[in-house]
Amino acid sequence: MSKTFKTEVTQKTFIDLDMLSFVSHELKTPLSTMKLNVELLKKQTSPEQQNLIKILDEEVAWMIQFISDTLDLKKVDNKAILNLSWHKWNKWIKSIQDSMEQTVHLHKRNLKIHLLDKEREVYMDPLYIRQVLFNLIINAIKYSFKNSLVEILCTQTKTGELNVEIKDQGPGINLKSVNKIFEPFYQDREKAEIAIKGSGLGLTIVKKIIEAQGGHVNASNRPDNKGAVFKFTLPRTRAIFK
């Protein structure tokens, strides 16, 4: 069962998304061309030039990611068109587990996933929720320590909602600014353990996506103050009857 769900997100950001998305769209094609040419240069340069090509490649990749995030934010911020349908949560998250593990292991972190005790169906857009999970995983990697653990904890509330927590083992969040952490371009934790260059829109996109699906998201510190916790909730779930 699948249908299209339209909703308006009324919360306004502090940037002109119309202008930013227009500029981003115009830059997307030339940057993609630059990326292709950088790939060709990699095969033709000397070892001494490889480092310069690597820097160029990283900068172009970051600009392309920024554009992609900006266009996603614009799409979700105005009239998000979501392809919502029922999905078995445990089965679905297992289908993307390999990709999540590769992302985490690439940056020398470990991943542990705690699934629901009982399988449950969730009404969601799987592509957007996948983006939410990966944005939060990248955030956890960026602000955690080498060889530390990133955990995904899935639980069901007494009222049937789905809670998903992404926990890291980093320095945590400045609680004085916790309410601003989902604003565009806001940087709470200045000293990242590794230099993952981001667009500054990742957490904003997470918030917009979750709210567009009727849920909510928040950030806090672990009880032992040894890391941050980002939790999102999706409200529409149902038990599976065979």
C-alpha atoms as a PDB file:
ATOM      1  CA  MET A   1       0.000   0.000   0.000  1.00  0.00           C
ATOM      2  CA  SER A   2       1.465   3.321  -1.029  1.00  0.00           C
ATOM      3  CA  LYS A   3       0.241   6.842  -1.572  1.00  0.00           C
ATOM      4  CA  THR A   4       1.551  10.366  -1.810  1.00  0.00           C
ATOM      5  CA  PHE A   5       1.316  12.615   1.226  1.00  0.00           C
ATOM      6  CA  LYS A   6       1.622  16.389   0.990  1.00  0.00           C
ATOM      7  CA  THR A   7       2.367  18.627   3.923  1.00  0.00           C
ATOM      8  CA  GLU A   8       3.628  22.132   4.540  1.00  0.00           C
ATOM      9  CA  VAL A   9       6.423  22.819   6.974  1.00  0.00           C
ATOM     10  CA  THR A  10       5.713  26.212   8.483  1.00  0.00           C
ATOM     11  CA  GLN A  11       8.942  26.759  10.421  1.00  0.00           C
ATOM     12  CA  LYS A  12      11.059  29.380   8.668  1.00  0.00           C
ATOM     13  CA  THR A  13      14.805  29.354   8.424  1.00  0.00           C
ATOM     14  CA  PHE A  14      17.176  32.284   8.546  1.00  0.00           C
ATOM     15  CA  ILE A  15      18.270  32.008   4.911  1.00  0.00           C
ATOM     16  CA  ASP A  16      16.649  32.845   1.609  1.00  0.00           C
ATOM     17  CA  LEU A  17      16.053  29.313   0.360  1.00  0.00           C
ATOM     18  CA  ASP A  18      14.540  30.492  -2.922  1.00  0.00           C
ATOM     19  CA  MET A  19      17.696  32.336  -3.921  1.00  0.00           C
ATOM     20  CA  LEU A  20      20.028  29.698  -2.468  1.00  0.00           C
ATOM     21  CA  SER A  21      18.283  26.829  -4.246  1.00  0.00           C
ATOM     22  CA  PHE A  22      18.257  28.758  -7.541  1.00  0.00           C
ATOM     23  CA  VAL A  23      22.002  29.380  -7.332  1.00  0.00           C
ATOM     24  CA  SER A  24      22.611  25.778  -6.267  1.00  0.00           C
ATOM     25  CA  HIS A  25      20.633  24.430  -9.197  1.00  0.00           C
ATOM     26  CA  GLU A  26      22.593  26.581 -11.647  1.00  0.00           C
ATOM     27  CA  LEU A  27      25.919  25.388 -10.208  1.00  0.00           C
ATOM     28  CA  LYS A  28      25.060  21.687 -10.176  1.00  0.00           C
ATOM     29  CA  THR A  29      25.890  20.953 -13.824  1.00  0.00           C
ATOM     30  CA  PRO A  30      29.257  22.778 -14.060  1.00  0.00           C
ATOM     31  CA  LEU A  31      30.382  21.241 -10.766  1.00  0.00           C
ATOM     32  CA  SER A  32      29.485  17.764 -11.997  1.00  0.00           C
ATOM     33  CA  THR A  33      31.598  18.476 -15.079  1.00  0.00           C
ATOM     34  CA  MET A  34      34.472  19.585 -12.844  1.00  0.00           C
ATOM     35  CA  LYS A  35      34.149  16.391 -10.818  1.00  0.00           C
ATOM     36  CA  LEU A  36      34.383  14.285 -13.966  1.00  0.00           C
ATOM     37  CA  ASN A  37      37.497  16.121 -15.124  1.00  0.00           C
ATOM     38  CA  VAL A  38      39.118  15.754 -11.710  1.00  0.00           C
ATOM     39  CA  GLU A  39      38.582  11.998 -11.968  1.00  0.00           C
ATOM     40  CA  LEU A  40      40.321  12.043 -15.353  1.00  0.00           C
ATOM     41  CA  LEU A  41      43.220  14.078 -13.960  1.00  0.00           C
ATOM     42  CA  LYS A  42      43.797  11.481 -11.245  1.00  0.00           C
ATOM     43  CA  LYS A  43      44.891   9.011 -13.919  1.00  0.00           C
ATOM     44  CA  GLN A  44      47.291  11.412 -15.615  1.00  0.00           C
ATOM     45  CA  THR A  45      49.132  13.211 -12.828  1.00  0.00           C
ATOM     46  CA  SER A  46      52.461  12.433 -11.224  1.00  0.00           C
ATOM     47  CA  PRO A  47      52.750  11.337  -7.564  1.00  0.00           C
ATOM     48  CA  GLU A  48      53.829  14.872  -6.646  1.00  0.00           C
ATOM     49  CA  GLN A  49      50.636  16.289  -8.118  1.00  0.00           C
ATOM     50  CA  GLN A  50      48.331  13.735  -6.524  1.00  0.00           C
ATOM     51  CA  ASN A  51      48.003  15.659  -3.267  1.00  0.00           C
ATOM     52  CA  LEU A  52      46.848  18.793  -5.094  1.00  0.00           C
ATOM     53  CA  ILE A  53      44.345  16.761  -7.090  1.00  0.00           C
ATOM     54  CA  LYS A  54      43.107  15.175  -3.862  1.00  0.00           C
ATOM     55  CA  ILE A  55      42.435  18.602  -2.336  1.00  0.00           C
ATOM     56  CA  LEU A  56      40.625  19.729  -5.476  1.00  0.00           C
ATOM     57  CA  ASP A  57      38.568  16.537  -5.519  1.00  0.00           C
ATOM     58  CA  GLU A  58      37.522  16.972  -1.881  1.00  0.00           C
ATOM     59  CA  GLU A  59      36.513  20.597  -2.392  1.00  0.00           C
ATOM     60  CA  VAL A  60      34.431  19.816  -5.490  1.00  0.00           C
ATOM     61  CA  ALA A  61      32.788  16.886  -3.683  1.00  0.00           C
ATOM     62  CA  TRP A  62      31.928  19.159  -0.770  1.00  0.00           C
ATOM     63  CA  MET A  63      30.387  21.768  -3.076  1.00  0.00           C
ATOM     64  CA  ILE A  64      28.279  19.109  -4.802  1.00  0.00           C
ATOM     65  CA  GLN A  65      27.119  17.837  -1.389  1.00  0.00           C
ATOM     66  CA  PHE A  66      26.267  21.375  -0.315  1.00  0.00           C
ATOM     67  CA  ILE A  67      24.165  21.854  -3.429  1.00  0.00           C
ATOM     68  CA  SER A  68      22.412  18.527  -2.932  1.00  0.00           C
ATOM     69  CA  ASP A  69      21.638  19.388   0.703  1.00  0.00           C
ATOM     70  CA  THR A  70      20.386  22.852  -0.249  1.00  0.00           C
ATOM     71  CA  LEU A  71      18.009  21.489  -2.863  1.00  0.00           C
ATOM     72  CA  ASP A  72      16.786  18.826  -0.420  1.00  0.00           C
ATOM     73  CA  LEU A  73      16.175  21.471   2.226  1.00  0.00           C
ATOM     74  CA  LYS A  74      14.213  23.620  -0.194  1.00  0.00           C
ATOM     75  CA  LYS A  75      12.126  20.640  -1.274  1.00  0.00           C
ATOM     76  CA  VAL A  76      11.259  19.654   2.280  1.00  0.00           C
ATOM     77  CA  ASP A  77      10.926  23.197   3.633  1.00  0.00           C
ATOM     78  CA  ASN A  78       8.135  24.288   1.305  1.00  0.00           C
ATOM     79  CA  LYS A  79       5.764  21.549   0.163  1.00  0.00           C
ATOM     80  CA  ALA A  80       7.314  18.222   0.846  1.00  0.00           C
ATOM     81  CA  ILE A  81       5.950  15.449  -1.335  1.00  0.00           C
ATOM     82  CA  LEU A  82       6.619  12.215   0.492  1.00  0.00           C
ATOM     83  CA  ASN A  83       6.040   8.695  -0.766  1.00  0.00           C
ATOM     84  CA  LEU A  84       4.699   7.222   2.461  1.00  0.00           C
ATOM     85  CA  SER A  85       3.956   3.548   2.846  1.00  0.00           C
ATOM     86  CA  TRP A  86       4.047   0.810   5.474  1.00  0.00           C
ATOM     87  CA  HIS A  87       7.439  -0.826   6.051  1.00  0.00           C
ATOM     88  CA  LYS A  88       8.565  -3.530   8.475  1.00  0.00           C
ATOM     89  CA  TRP A  89      11.093  -1.554  10.497  1.00  0.00           C
ATOM     90  CA  ASN A  90      13.543  -4.288  11.509  1.00  0.00           C
ATOM     91  CA  LYS A  91      13.564  -5.776   8.029  1.00  0.00           C
ATOM     92  CA  TRP A  92      14.053  -2.365   6.426  1.00  0.00           C
ATOM     93  CA  ILE A  93      16.907  -1.251   8.666  1.00  0.00           C
ATOM     94  CA  LYS A  94      18.675  -4.570   8.071  1.00  0.00           C
ATOM     95  CA  SER A  95      18.490  -3.858   4.321  1.00  0.00           C
ATOM     96  CA  ILE A  96      20.654  -0.732   4.759  1.00  0.00           C
ATOM     97  CA  GLN A  97      22.846  -2.109   7.554  1.00  0.00           C
ATOM     98  CA  ASP A  98      25.775  -2.931   5.259  1.00  0.00           C
ATOM     99  CA  SER A  99      25.865   0.618   3.905  1.00  0.00           C
ATOM    100  CA  MET A 100      25.764   2.093   7.405  1.00  0.00           C
ATOM    101  CA  GLU A 101      28.544  -0.217   8.600  1.00  0.00           C
ATOM    102  CA  GLN A 102      30.740   0.685   5.626  1.00  0.00           C
ATOM    103  CA  THR A 103      30.286   4.391   6.357  1.00  0.00           C
ATOM    104  CA  VAL A 104      31.160   3.956  10.031  1.00  0.00           C
ATOM    105  CA  HIS A 105      34.103   1.592   9.484  1.00  0.00           C
ATOM    106  CA  LEU A 106      35.548   3.865   6.801  1.00  0.00           C
ATOM    107  CA  HIS A 107      36.108   6.457   9.530  1.00  0.00           C
ATOM    108  CA  LYS A 108      37.437   3.889  12.020  1.00  0.00           C
ATOM    109  CA  ARG A 109      34.346   3.773  14.218  1.00  0.00           C
ATOM    110  CA  ASN A 110      32.239   0.811  15.308  1.00  0.00           C
ATOM    111  CA  LEU A 111      28.492   0.419  14.822  1.00  0.00           C
ATOM    112  CA  LYS A 112      25.959  -1.419  16.951  1.00  0.00           C
ATOM    113  CA  ILE A 113      22.260  -1.570  16.073  1.00  0.00           C
ATOM    114  CA  HIS A 114      19.577  -2.482  18.592  1.00  0.00           C
ATOM    115  CA  LEU A 115      16.427  -3.488  16.717  1.00  0.00           C
ATOM    116  CA  LEU A 116      12.866  -3.501  18.034  1.00  0.00           C
ATOM    117  CA  ASP A 117      12.051  -6.402  20.335  1.00  0.00           C
ATOM    118  CA  LYS A 118       9.100  -7.189  18.085  1.00  0.00           C
ATOM    119  CA  GLU A 119       8.805  -6.373  14.401  1.00  0.00           C
ATOM    120  CA  ARG A 120       6.495  -3.458  13.724  1.00  0.00           C
ATOM    121  CA  GLU A 121       5.355  -1.640  10.615  1.00  0.00           C
ATOM    122  CA  VAL A 122       6.085   2.075  10.308  1.00  0.00           C
ATOM    123  CA  TYR A 123       4.384   4.529   7.954  1.00  0.00           C
ATOM    124  CA  MET A 124       7.270   6.447   6.413  1.00  0.00           C
ATOM    125  CA  ASP A 125       9.145   7.503   3.304  1.00  0.00           C
ATOM    126  CA  PRO A 126      12.088   5.039   3.279  1.00  0.00           C
ATOM    127  CA  LEU A 127      14.379   7.198   1.120  1.00  0.00           C
ATOM    128  CA  TYR A 128      13.993  10.233   3.362  1.00  0.00           C
ATOM    129  CA  ILE A 129      14.357   8.211   6.580  1.00  0.00           C
ATOM    130  CA  ARG A 130      17.500   6.638   5.136  1.00  0.00           C
ATOM    131  CA  GLN A 131      18.840  10.159   4.625  1.00  0.00           C
ATOM    132  CA  VAL A 132      17.963  11.029   8.231  1.00  0.00           C
ATOM    133  CA  LEU A 133      19.867   8.020   9.556  1.00  0.00           C
ATOM    134  CA  PHE A 134      22.953   8.687   7.436  1.00  0.00           C
ATOM    135  CA  ASN A 135      22.996  12.392   8.327  1.00  0.00           C
ATOM    136  CA  LEU A 136      22.874  11.528  12.023  1.00  0.00           C
ATOM    137  CA  ILE A 137      25.498   8.799  11.640  1.00  0.00           C
ATOM    138  CA  ILE A 138      27.889  11.204   9.884  1.00  0.00           C
ATOM    139  CA  ASN A 139      27.268  13.723  12.666  1.00  0.00           C
ATOM    140  CA  ALA A 140      28.046  11.056  15.280  1.00  0.00           C
ATOM    141  CA  ILE A 141      31.229  10.054  13.466  1.00  0.00           C
ATOM    142  CA  LYS A 142      32.381  13.651  13.136  1.00  0.00           C
ATOM    143  CA  TYR A 143      32.072  14.344  16.863  1.00  0.00           C
ATOM    144  CA  SER A 144      33.241  11.058  18.336  1.00  0.00           C
ATOM    145  CA  PHE A 145      36.631   9.511  18.926  1.00  0.00           C
ATOM    146  CA  LYS A 146      38.592   7.004  16.881  1.00  0.00           C
ATOM    147  CA  ASN A 147      37.593   3.371  17.553  1.00  0.00           C
ATOM    148  CA  SER A 148      34.587   4.518  19.590  1.00  0.00           C
ATOM    149  CA  LEU A 149      31.081   3.121  19.262  1.00  0.00           C
ATOM    150  CA  VAL A 150      28.147   4.612  17.376  1.00  0.00           C
ATOM    151  CA  GLU A 151      24.871   3.050  18.509  1.00  0.00           C
ATOM    152  CA  ILE A 152      21.434   3.004  16.935  1.00  0.00           C
ATOM    153  CA  LEU A 153      18.762   2.137  19.468  1.00  0.00           C
ATOM    154  CA  CYS A 154      15.219   1.418  18.241  1.00  0.00           C
ATOM    155  CA  THR A 155      12.375   1.239  20.754  1.00  0.00           C
ATOM    156  CA  GLN A 156       8.602   1.441  20.817  1.00  0.00           C
ATOM    157  CA  THR A 157       6.775   3.786  23.189  1.00  0.00           C
ATOM    158  CA  LYS A 158       3.739   2.766  25.229  1.00  0.00           C
ATOM    159  CA  THR A 159       1.558   4.688  22.788  1.00  0.00           C
ATOM    160  CA  GLY A 160       2.984   2.833  19.793  1.00  0.00           C
ATOM    161  CA  GLU A 161       5.398   5.447  18.455  1.00  0.00           C
ATOM    162  CA  LEU A 162       8.811   4.515  17.089  1.00  0.00           C
ATOM    163  CA  ASN A 163      11.832   6.060  18.829  1.00  0.00           C
ATOM    164  CA  VAL A 164      15.244   5.910  17.169  1.00  0.00           C
ATOM    165  CA  GLU A 165      18.315   7.140  19.072  1.00  0.00           C
ATOM    166  CA  ILE A 166      21.762   7.654  17.555  1.00  0.00           C
ATOM    167  CA  LYS A 167      24.389   7.763  20.284  1.00  0.00           C
ATOM    168  CA  ASP A 168      28.054   8.679  20.019  1.00  0.00           C
ATOM    169  CA  GLN A 169      30.978   8.615  22.456  1.00  0.00           C
ATOM    170  CA  GLY A 170      32.293  12.110  21.886  1.00  0.00           C
ATOM    171  CA  PRO A 171      32.474  15.289  23.979  1.00  0.00           C
ATOM    172  CA  GLY A 172      28.714  15.844  23.943  1.00  0.00           C
ATOM    173  CA  ILE A 173      26.707  18.984  23.236  1.00  0.00           C
ATOM    174  CA  ASN A 174      26.770  22.405  24.854  1.00  0.00           C
ATOM    175  CA  LEU A 175      23.330  22.353  26.492  1.00  0.00           C
ATOM    176  CA  LYS A 176      23.102  26.149  26.363  1.00  0.00           C
ATOM    177  CA  SER A 177      22.847  25.928  22.591  1.00  0.00           C
ATOM    178  CA  VAL A 178      20.912  22.676  22.225  1.00  0.00           C
ATOM    179  CA  ASN A 179      17.829  24.505  20.922  1.00  0.00           C
ATOM    180  CA  LYS A 180      19.873  26.037  18.079  1.00  0.00           C
ATOM    181  CA  ILE A 181      21.602  22.898  16.889  1.00  0.00           C
ATOM    182  CA  PHE A 182      19.055  22.216  14.136  1.00  0.00           C
ATOM    183  CA  GLU A 183      19.299  25.716  12.653  1.00  0.00           C
ATOM    184  CA  PRO A 184      21.018  26.100   9.251  1.00  0.00           C
ATOM    185  CA  PHE A 185      24.809  26.489   9.416  1.00  0.00           C
ATOM    186  CA  TYR A 186      24.853  26.472  13.222  1.00  0.00           C
ATOM    187  CA  GLN A 187      28.045  24.947  14.672  1.00  0.00           C
ATOM    188  CA  ASP A 188      27.822  23.838  18.289  1.00  0.00           C
ATOM    189  CA  ARG A 189      30.813  21.552  18.553  1.00  0.00           C
ATOM    190  CA  GLU A 190      33.700  23.393  16.958  1.00  0.00           C
ATOM    191  CA  LYS A 191      36.428  20.853  17.563  1.00  0.00           C
ATOM    192  CA  ALA A 192      35.591  17.763  15.556  1.00  0.00           C
ATOM    193  CA  GLU A 193      37.670  14.619  16.040  1.00  0.00           C
ATOM    194  CA  ILE A 194      38.030  14.208  12.273  1.00  0.00           C
ATOM    195  CA  ALA A 195      37.649  16.701   9.467  1.00  0.00           C
ATOM    196  CA  ILE A 196      34.428  15.682   7.721  1.00  0.00           C
ATOM    197  CA  LYS A 197      33.480  18.790   5.836  1.00  0.00           C
ATOM    198  CA  GLY A 198      29.716  19.259   5.813  1.00  0.00           C
ATOM    199  CA  SER A 199      27.225  21.671   4.306  1.00  0.00           C
ATOM    200  CA  GLY A 200      25.965  22.911   7.669  1.00  0.00           C
ATOM    201  CA  LEU A 201      22.469  21.804   6.654  1.00  0.00           C
ATOM    202  CA  GLY A 202      22.498  18.138   7.673  1.00  0.00           C
ATOM    203  CA  LEU A 203      20.705  18.493  11.004  1.00  0.00           C
ATOM    204  CA  THR A 204      18.298  21.072   9.567  1.00  0.00           C
ATOM    205  CA  ILE A 205      17.317  18.565   6.858  1.00  0.00           C
ATOM    206  CA  VAL A 206      16.850  15.875   9.513  1.00  0.00           C
ATOM    207  CA  LYS A 207      14.440  18.092  11.448  1.00  0.00           C
ATOM    208  CA  LYS A 208      12.459  19.084   8.349  1.00  0.00           C
ATOM    209  CA  ILE A 209      12.106  15.481   7.151  1.00  0.00           C
ATOM    210  CA  ILE A 210      10.962  14.139  10.515  1.00  0.00           C
ATOM    211  CA  GLU A 211       8.497  16.962  11.113  1.00  0.00           C
ATOM    212  CA  ALA A 212       7.101  16.561   7.585  1.00  0.00           C
ATOM    213  CA  GLN A 213       6.247  12.971   8.527  1.00  0.00           C
ATOM    214  CA  GLY A 214       4.493  14.013  11.716  1.00  0.00           C
ATOM    215  CA  GLY A 215       7.360  13.241  14.069  1.00  0.00           C
ATOM    216  CA  HIS A 216       9.834  15.214  16.122  1.00  0.00           C
ATOM    217  CA  VAL A 217      13.574  15.218  16.809  1.00  0.00           C
ATOM    218  CA  ASN A 218      15.741  16.411  19.672  1.00  0.00           C
ATOM    219  CA  ALA A 219      19.314  16.343  20.917  1.00  0.00           C
ATOM    220  CA  SER A 220      20.733  15.765  24.377  1.00  0.00           C
ATOM    221  CA  ASN A 221      23.746  14.324  26.173  1.00  0.00           C
ATOM    222  CA  ARG A 222      24.106  10.790  27.472  1.00  0.00           C
ATOM    223  CA  PRO A 223      23.420  10.408  31.219  1.00  0.00           C
ATOM    224  CA  ASP A 224      27.120   9.756  31.827  1.00  0.00           C
ATOM    225  CA  ASN A 225      28.027  12.888  29.791  1.00  0.00           C
ATOM    226  CA  LYS A 226      30.193  10.747  27.515  1.00  0.00           C
ATOM    227  CA  GLY A 227      28.577  11.556  24.215  1.00  0.00           C
ATOM    228  CA  ALA A 228      25.559  13.011  22.458  1.00  0.00           C
ATOM    229  CA  VAL A 229      22.167  11.481  21.721  1.00  0.00           C
ATOM    230  CA  PHE A 230      20.012  12.450  18.750  1.00  0.00           C
ATOM    231  CA  LYS A 231      16.523  11.008  18.904  1.00  0.00           C
ATOM    232  CA  PHE A 232      13.732  11.101  16.352  1.00  0.00           C
ATOM    233  CA  THR A 233      10.212   9.788  16.702  1.00  0.00           C
ATOM    234  CA  LEU A 234       7.815   8.579  14.023  1.00  0.00           C
ATOM    235  CA  PRO A 235       4.203   8.481  15.212  1.00  0.00           C
ATOM    236  CA  ARG A 236       2.447   6.125  12.813  1.00  0.00           C
ATOM    237  CA  THR A 237       3.184   2.464  13.483  1.00  0.00           C
ATOM    238  CA  ARG A 238       1.129  -0.696  13.701  1.00  0.00           C
ATOM    239  CA  ALA A 239       1.510  -4.222  14.945  1.00  0.00           C
ATOM    240  CA  ILE A 240       1.916  -7.051  12.454  1.00  0.00           C
ATOM    241  CA  PHE A 241      -0.815  -9.651  12.482  1.00  0.00           C
ATOM    242  CA  LYS A 242      -0.194 -12.888  10.608  1.00  0.00           C
END
